[in-house]
Amino acid sequence: MKTSEIRLLSTDEIKTKLGDARNELMNLRFQIVTGQLTDTSRLKIIRRQIAVYETILRERELGNVSEGAK
């Protein structure tokens, strides 16, 4: 999902997606430890996605961008 698409989501939707991404990251870390994960590039993608979600939420918290506006 592109950053511009994420900005159009409501704050609650972003928080939900952030929680899902964090859960997926935790599961991927467990898979690495147990040796089940072969595609480690997914870790980088999820970490960056979490960073985007947190950045947009922080912008809204500071009042730089209103919810759902471009």
PDB file of N, CA and C in Angstrom:
ATOM      1  N   MET A   1       0.833  -1.164   0.000  1.00  0.00           N
ATOM      2  CA  MET A   1       0.000   0.000   0.000  1.00  0.00           C
ATOM      3  C   MET A   1       0.888   1.241   0.000  1.00  0.00           C
ATOM      4  N   LYS A   2       0.589   2.182  -0.881  1.00  0.00           N
ATOM      5  CA  LYS A   2       1.385   3.388  -0.996  1.00  0.00           C
ATOM      6  C   LYS A   2       1.077   4.354   0.140  1.00  0.00           C
ATOM      7  N   THR A   3       2.019   5.244   0.399  1.00  0.00           N
ATOM      8  CA  THR A   3       1.862   6.213   1.463  1.00  0.00           C
ATOM      9  C   THR A   3       0.661   7.117   1.212  1.00  0.00           C
ATOM     10  N   SER A   4       0.449   7.513  -0.024  1.00  0.00           N
ATOM     11  CA  SER A   4      -0.694   8.380  -0.342  1.00  0.00           C
ATOM     12  C   SER A   4      -2.016   7.674  -0.053  1.00  0.00           C
ATOM     13  N   GLU A   5      -2.064   6.368  -0.258  1.00  0.00           N
ATOM     14  CA  GLU A   5      -3.272   5.597   0.042  1.00  0.00           C
ATOM     15  C   GLU A   5      -3.476   5.476   1.551  1.00  0.00           C
ATOM     16  N   ILE A   6      -2.385   5.332   2.281  1.00  0.00           N
ATOM     17  CA  ILE A   6      -2.472   5.215   3.736  1.00  0.00           C
ATOM     18  C   ILE A   6      -2.970   6.525   4.334  1.00  0.00           C
ATOM     19  N   ARG A   7      -2.539   7.649   3.776  1.00  0.00           N
ATOM     20  CA  ARG A   7      -2.964   8.950   4.297  1.00  0.00           C
ATOM     21  C   ARG A   7      -4.471   9.150   4.170  1.00  0.00           C
ATOM     22  N   LEU A   8      -5.111   8.479   3.240  1.00  0.00           N
ATOM     23  CA  LEU A   8      -6.550   8.615   3.051  1.00  0.00           C
ATOM     24  C   LEU A   8      -7.350   7.811   4.073  1.00  0.00           C
ATOM     25  N   LEU A   9      -6.696   6.900   4.785  1.00  0.00           N
ATOM     26  CA  LEU A   9      -7.375   6.080   5.779  1.00  0.00           C
ATOM     27  C   LEU A   9      -7.611   6.883   7.055  1.00  0.00           C
ATOM     28  N   SER A  10      -8.596   6.435   7.833  1.00  0.00           N
ATOM     29  CA  SER A  10      -8.842   7.086   9.117  1.00  0.00           C
ATOM     30  C   SER A  10      -7.761   6.657  10.116  1.00  0.00           C
ATOM     31  N   THR A  11      -7.667   7.378  11.192  1.00  0.00           N
ATOM     32  CA  THR A  11      -6.668   7.085  12.219  1.00  0.00           C
ATOM     33  C   THR A  11      -6.889   5.698  12.812  1.00  0.00           C
ATOM     34  N   ASP A  12      -8.139   5.337  13.039  1.00  0.00           N
ATOM     35  CA  ASP A  12      -8.437   4.017  13.603  1.00  0.00           C
ATOM     36  C   ASP A  12      -8.020   2.891  12.658  1.00  0.00           C
ATOM     37  N   GLU A  13      -8.235   3.087  11.364  1.00  0.00           N
ATOM     38  CA  GLU A  13      -7.827   2.074  10.390  1.00  0.00           C
ATOM     39  C   GLU A  13      -6.311   1.926  10.364  1.00  0.00           C
ATOM     40  N   ILE A  14      -5.606   3.034  10.458  1.00  0.00           N
ATOM     41  CA  ILE A  14      -4.143   2.980  10.459  1.00  0.00           C
ATOM     42  C   ILE A  14      -3.645   2.268  11.704  1.00  0.00           C
ATOM     43  N   LYS A  15      -4.263   2.562  12.853  1.00  0.00           N
ATOM     44  CA  LYS A  15      -3.862   1.891  14.090  1.00  0.00           C
ATOM     45  C   LYS A  15      -4.105   0.395  14.006  1.00  0.00           C
ATOM     46  N   THR A  16      -5.198  -0.004  13.363  1.00  0.00           N
ATOM     47  CA  THR A  16      -5.485  -1.434  13.184  1.00  0.00           C
ATOM     48  C   THR A  16      -4.437  -2.086  12.294  1.00  0.00           C
ATOM     49  N   LYS A  17      -4.106  -1.430  11.192  1.00  0.00           N
ATOM     50  CA  LYS A  17      -3.089  -1.962  10.284  1.00  0.00           C
ATOM     51  C   LYS A  17      -1.717  -2.010  10.961  1.00  0.00           C
ATOM     52  N   LEU A  18      -1.425  -1.026  11.797  1.00  0.00           N
ATOM     53  CA  LEU A  18      -0.167  -1.003  12.536  1.00  0.00           C
ATOM     54  C   LEU A  18      -0.088  -2.202  13.481  1.00  0.00           C
ATOM     55  N   GLY A  19      -1.156  -2.485  14.182  1.00  0.00           N
ATOM     56  CA  GLY A  19      -1.190  -3.650  15.070  1.00  0.00           C
ATOM     57  C   GLY A  19      -1.011  -4.948  14.312  1.00  0.00           C
ATOM     58  N   ASP A  20      -1.663  -5.049  13.156  1.00  0.00           N
ATOM     59  CA  ASP A  20      -1.524  -6.254  12.329  1.00  0.00           C
ATOM     60  C   ASP A  20      -0.080  -6.421  11.851  1.00  0.00           C
ATOM     61  N   ALA A  21       0.535  -5.321  11.450  1.00  0.00           N
ATOM     62  CA  ALA A  21       1.912  -5.378  10.960  1.00  0.00           C
ATOM     63  C   ALA A  21       2.874  -5.777  12.081  1.00  0.00           C
ATOM     64  N   ARG A  22       2.639  -5.253  13.273  1.00  0.00           N
ATOM     65  CA  ARG A  22       3.495  -5.622  14.402  1.00  0.00           C
ATOM     66  C   ARG A  22       3.354  -7.100  14.749  1.00  0.00           C
ATOM     67  N   ASN A  23       2.124  -7.618  14.668  1.00  0.00           N
ATOM     68  CA  ASN A  23       1.912  -9.047  14.914  1.00  0.00           C
ATOM     69  C   ASN A  23       2.611  -9.892  13.856  1.00  0.00           C
ATOM     70  N   GLU A  24       2.535  -9.448  12.601  1.00  0.00           N
ATOM     71  CA  GLU A  24       3.201 -10.187  11.530  1.00  0.00           C
ATOM     72  C   GLU A  24       4.718 -10.177  11.733  1.00  0.00           C
ATOM     73  N   LEU A  25       5.271  -9.038  12.153  1.00  0.00           N
ATOM     74  CA  LEU A  25       6.704  -8.948  12.410  1.00  0.00           C
ATOM     75  C   LEU A  25       7.110  -9.907  13.524  1.00  0.00           C
ATOM     76  N   MET A  26       6.308  -9.974  14.570  1.00  0.00           N
ATOM     77  CA  MET A  26       6.607 -10.884  15.673  1.00  0.00           C
ATOM     78  C   MET A  26       6.587 -12.340  15.178  1.00  0.00           C
ATOM     79  N   ASN A  27       5.598 -12.679  14.363  1.00  0.00           N
ATOM     80  CA  ASN A  27       5.516 -14.041  13.824  1.00  0.00           C
ATOM     81  C   ASN A  27       6.708 -14.363  12.925  1.00  0.00           C
ATOM     82  N   LEU A  28       7.133 -13.388  12.134  1.00  0.00           N
ATOM     83  CA  LEU A  28       8.295 -13.604  11.276  1.00  0.00           C
ATOM     84  C   LEU A  28       9.557 -13.822  12.108  1.00  0.00           C
ATOM     85  N   ARG A  29       9.678 -13.080  13.203  1.00  0.00           N
ATOM     86  CA  ARG A  29      10.843 -13.266  14.069  1.00  0.00           C
ATOM     87  C   ARG A  29      10.856 -14.663  14.683  1.00  0.00           C
ATOM     88  N   PHE A  30       9.694 -15.153  15.080  1.00  0.00           N
ATOM     89  CA  PHE A  30       9.617 -16.518  15.606  1.00  0.00           C
ATOM     90  C   PHE A  30       9.995 -17.536  14.536  1.00  0.00           C
ATOM     91  N   GLN A  31       9.568 -17.290  13.304  1.00  0.00           N
ATOM     92  CA  GLN A  31       9.889 -18.206  12.214  1.00  0.00           C
ATOM     93  C   GLN A  31      11.387 -18.225  11.936  1.00  0.00           C
ATOM     94  N   ILE A  32      12.041 -17.086  12.066  1.00  0.00           N
ATOM     95  CA  ILE A  32      13.496 -17.049  11.872  1.00  0.00           C
ATOM     96  C   ILE A  32      14.178 -17.899  12.929  1.00  0.00           C
ATOM     97  N   VAL A  33      13.766 -17.729  14.172  1.00  0.00           N
ATOM     98  CA  VAL A  33      14.398 -18.445  15.281  1.00  0.00           C
ATOM     99  C   VAL A  33      14.221 -19.952  15.130  1.00  0.00           C
ATOM    100  N   THR A  34      13.039 -20.364  14.671  1.00  0.00           N
ATOM    101  CA  THR A  34      12.771 -21.794  14.528  1.00  0.00           C
ATOM    102  C   THR A  34      13.283 -22.353  13.205  1.00  0.00           C
ATOM    103  N   GLY A  35      13.775 -21.482  12.330  1.00  0.00           N
ATOM    104  CA  GLY A  35      14.326 -21.951  11.063  1.00  0.00           C
ATOM    105  C   GLY A  35      13.294 -22.194   9.984  1.00  0.00           C
ATOM    106  N   GLN A  36      12.084 -21.712  10.156  1.00  0.00           N
ATOM    107  CA  GLN A  36      11.024 -21.941   9.172  1.00  0.00           C
ATOM    108  C   GLN A  36      10.994 -20.888   8.071  1.00  0.00           C
ATOM    109  N   LEU A  37      11.571 -19.724   8.325  1.00  0.00           N
ATOM    110  CA  LEU A  37      11.496 -18.620   7.377  1.00  0.00           C
ATOM    111  C   LEU A  37      12.635 -18.707   6.367  1.00  0.00           C
ATOM    112  N   THR A  38      12.270 -18.718   5.084  1.00  0.00           N
ATOM    113  CA  THR A  38      13.287 -18.752   4.036  1.00  0.00           C
ATOM    114  C   THR A  38      13.417 -17.398   3.342  1.00  0.00           C
ATOM    115  N   ASP A  39      12.333 -16.619   3.285  1.00  0.00           N
ATOM    116  CA  ASP A  39      12.349 -15.316   2.620  1.00  0.00           C
ATOM    117  C   ASP A  39      12.466 -14.216   3.665  1.00  0.00           C
ATOM    118  N   THR A  40      13.695 -13.840   4.002  1.00  0.00           N
ATOM    119  CA  THR A  40      13.915 -12.854   5.048  1.00  0.00           C
ATOM    120  C   THR A  40      13.672 -11.424   4.573  1.00  0.00           C
ATOM    121  N   SER A  41      13.465 -11.208   3.286  1.00  0.00           N
ATOM    122  CA  SER A  41      13.216  -9.861   2.782  1.00  0.00           C
ATOM    123  C   SER A  41      11.882  -9.324   3.285  1.00  0.00           C
ATOM    124  N   ARG A  42      10.994 -10.199   3.686  1.00  0.00           N
ATOM    125  CA  ARG A  42       9.688  -9.779   4.210  1.00  0.00           C
ATOM    126  C   ARG A  42       9.853  -8.961   5.505  1.00  0.00           C
ATOM    127  N   LEU A  43      10.890  -9.254   6.279  1.00  0.00           N
ATOM    128  CA  LEU A  43      11.155  -8.505   7.508  1.00  0.00           C
ATOM    129  C   LEU A  43      11.382  -7.019   7.212  1.00  0.00           C
ATOM    130  N   LYS A  44      12.189  -6.737   6.220  1.00  0.00           N
ATOM    131  CA  LYS A  44      12.502  -5.364   5.851  1.00  0.00           C
ATOM    132  C   LYS A  44      11.243  -4.629   5.396  1.00  0.00           C
ATOM    133  N   ILE A  45      10.424  -5.306   4.625  1.00  0.00           N
ATOM    134  CA  ILE A  45       9.199  -4.700   4.117  1.00  0.00           C
ATOM    135  C   ILE A  45       8.254  -4.353   5.268  1.00  0.00           C
ATOM    136  N   ILE A  46       8.089  -5.279   6.202  1.00  0.00           N
ATOM    137  CA  ILE A  46       7.180  -5.052   7.325  1.00  0.00           C
ATOM    138  C   ILE A  46       7.705  -3.941   8.229  1.00  0.00           C
ATOM    139  N   ARG A  47       9.010  -3.910   8.490  1.00  0.00           N
ATOM    140  CA  ARG A  47       9.572  -2.858   9.332  1.00  0.00           C
ATOM    141  C   ARG A  47       9.352  -1.477   8.709  1.00  0.00           C
ATOM    142  N   ARG A  48       9.535  -1.380   7.415  1.00  0.00           N
ATOM    143  CA  ARG A  48       9.318  -0.103   6.735  1.00  0.00           C
ATOM    144  C   ARG A  48       7.845   0.294   6.766  1.00  0.00           C
ATOM    145  N   GLN A  49       6.964  -0.692   6.602  1.00  0.00           N
ATOM    146  CA  GLN A  49       5.531  -0.413   6.641  1.00  0.00           C
ATOM    147  C   GLN A  49       5.130   0.111   8.025  1.00  0.00           C
ATOM    148  N   ILE A  50       5.675  -0.492   9.072  1.00  0.00           N
ATOM    149  CA  ILE A  50       5.401  -0.029  10.434  1.00  0.00           C
ATOM    150  C   ILE A  50       5.884   1.414  10.597  1.00  0.00           C
ATOM    151  N   ALA A  51       7.038   1.719  10.051  1.00  0.00           N
ATOM    152  CA  ALA A  51       7.580   3.074  10.144  1.00  0.00           C
ATOM    153  C   ALA A  51       6.673   4.084   9.439  1.00  0.00           C
ATOM    154  N   VAL A  52       6.125   3.713   8.303  1.00  0.00           N
ATOM    155  CA  VAL A  52       5.219   4.605   7.574  1.00  0.00           C
ATOM    156  C   VAL A  52       3.958   4.858   8.393  1.00  0.00           C
ATOM    157  N   TYR A  53       3.375   3.790   8.945  1.00  0.00           N
ATOM    158  CA  TYR A  53       2.177   3.946   9.770  1.00  0.00           C
ATOM    159  C   TYR A  53       2.448   4.861  10.955  1.00  0.00           C
ATOM    160  N   GLU A  54       3.555   4.635  11.642  1.00  0.00           N
ATOM    161  CA  GLU A  54       3.881   5.445  12.813  1.00  0.00           C
ATOM    162  C   GLU A  54       4.155   6.900  12.438  1.00  0.00           C
ATOM    163  N   THR A  55       4.779   7.120  11.303  1.00  0.00           N
ATOM    164  CA  THR A  55       5.062   8.476  10.856  1.00  0.00           C
ATOM    165  C   THR A  55       3.780   9.235  10.561  1.00  0.00           C
ATOM    166  N   ILE A  56       2.866   8.607   9.867  1.00  0.00           N
ATOM    167  CA  ILE A  56       1.600   9.266   9.534  1.00  0.00           C
ATOM    168  C   ILE A  56       0.789   9.543  10.799  1.00  0.00           C
ATOM    169  N   LEU A  57       0.780   8.584  11.727  1.00  0.00           N
ATOM    170  CA  LEU A  57       0.072   8.810  12.985  1.00  0.00           C
ATOM    171  C   LEU A  57       0.689   9.965  13.759  1.00  0.00           C
ATOM    172  N   ARG A  58       2.006  10.063  13.756  1.00  0.00           N
ATOM    173  CA  ARG A  58       2.686  11.151  14.463  1.00  0.00           C
ATOM    174  C   ARG A  58       2.380  12.491  13.812  1.00  0.00           C
ATOM    175  N   GLU A  59       2.335  12.535  12.483  1.00  0.00           N
ATOM    176  CA  GLU A  59       1.989  13.770  11.783  1.00  0.00           C
ATOM    177  C   GLU A  59       0.601  14.244  12.190  1.00  0.00           C
ATOM    178  N   ARG A  60      -0.323  13.306  12.263  1.00  0.00           N
ATOM    179  CA  ARG A  60      -1.690  13.661  12.658  1.00  0.00           C
ATOM    180  C   ARG A  60      -1.736  14.115  14.104  1.00  0.00           C
ATOM    181  N   GLU A  61      -0.941  13.496  14.935  1.00  0.00           N
ATOM    182  CA  GLU A  61      -0.890  13.882  16.340  1.00  0.00           C
ATOM    183  C   GLU A  61      -0.399  15.321  16.490  1.00  0.00           C
ATOM    184  N   LEU A  62       0.551  15.691  15.680  1.00  0.00           N
ATOM    185  CA  LEU A  62       1.092  17.040  15.728  1.00  0.00           C
ATOM    186  C   LEU A  62       0.198  18.056  15.015  1.00  0.00           C
ATOM    187  N   GLY A  63      -0.770  17.550  14.256  1.00  0.00           N
ATOM    188  CA  GLY A  63      -1.708  18.429  13.588  1.00  0.00           C
ATOM    189  C   GLY A  63      -1.248  18.942  12.250  1.00  0.00           C
ATOM    190  N   ASN A  64      -0.243  18.322  11.673  1.00  0.00           N
ATOM    191  CA  ASN A  64       0.247  18.772  10.370  1.00  0.00           C
ATOM    192  C   ASN A  64      -0.702  18.410   9.229  1.00  0.00           C
ATOM    193  N   VAL A  65      -1.349  17.265   9.352  1.00  0.00           N
ATOM    194  CA  VAL A  65      -2.225  16.793   8.288  1.00  0.00           C
ATOM    195  C   VAL A  65      -3.531  16.341   8.924  1.00  0.00           C
ATOM    196  N   SER A  66      -4.636  16.821   8.406  1.00  0.00           N
ATOM    197  CA  SER A  66      -5.923  16.396   8.963  1.00  0.00           C
ATOM    198  C   SER A  66      -6.274  15.000   8.460  1.00  0.00           C
ATOM    199  N   GLU A  67      -7.163  14.355   9.143  1.00  0.00           N
ATOM    200  CA  GLU A  67      -7.529  12.969   8.862  1.00  0.00           C
ATOM    201  C   GLU A  67      -8.234  12.878   7.513  1.00  0.00           C
ATOM    202  N   GLY A  68      -7.745  12.021   6.637  1.00  0.00           N
ATOM    203  CA  GLY A  68      -8.367  11.785   5.353  1.00  0.00           C
ATOM    204  C   GLY A  68      -8.130  12.873   4.337  1.00  0.00           C
ATOM    205  N   ALA A  69      -7.366  13.895   4.641  1.00  0.00           N
ATOM    206  CA  ALA A  69      -7.095  14.976   3.709  1.00  0.00           C
ATOM    207  C   ALA A  69      -5.736  14.782   3.057  1.00  0.00           C
ATOM    208  N   LYS A  70      -5.582  15.404   1.916  1.00  0.00           N
ATOM    209  CA  LYS A  70      -4.320  15.259   1.198  1.00  0.00           C
ATOM    210  C   LYS A  70      -3.431  16.425   1.455  1.00  0.00           C
TER     211      LYS A  70
END
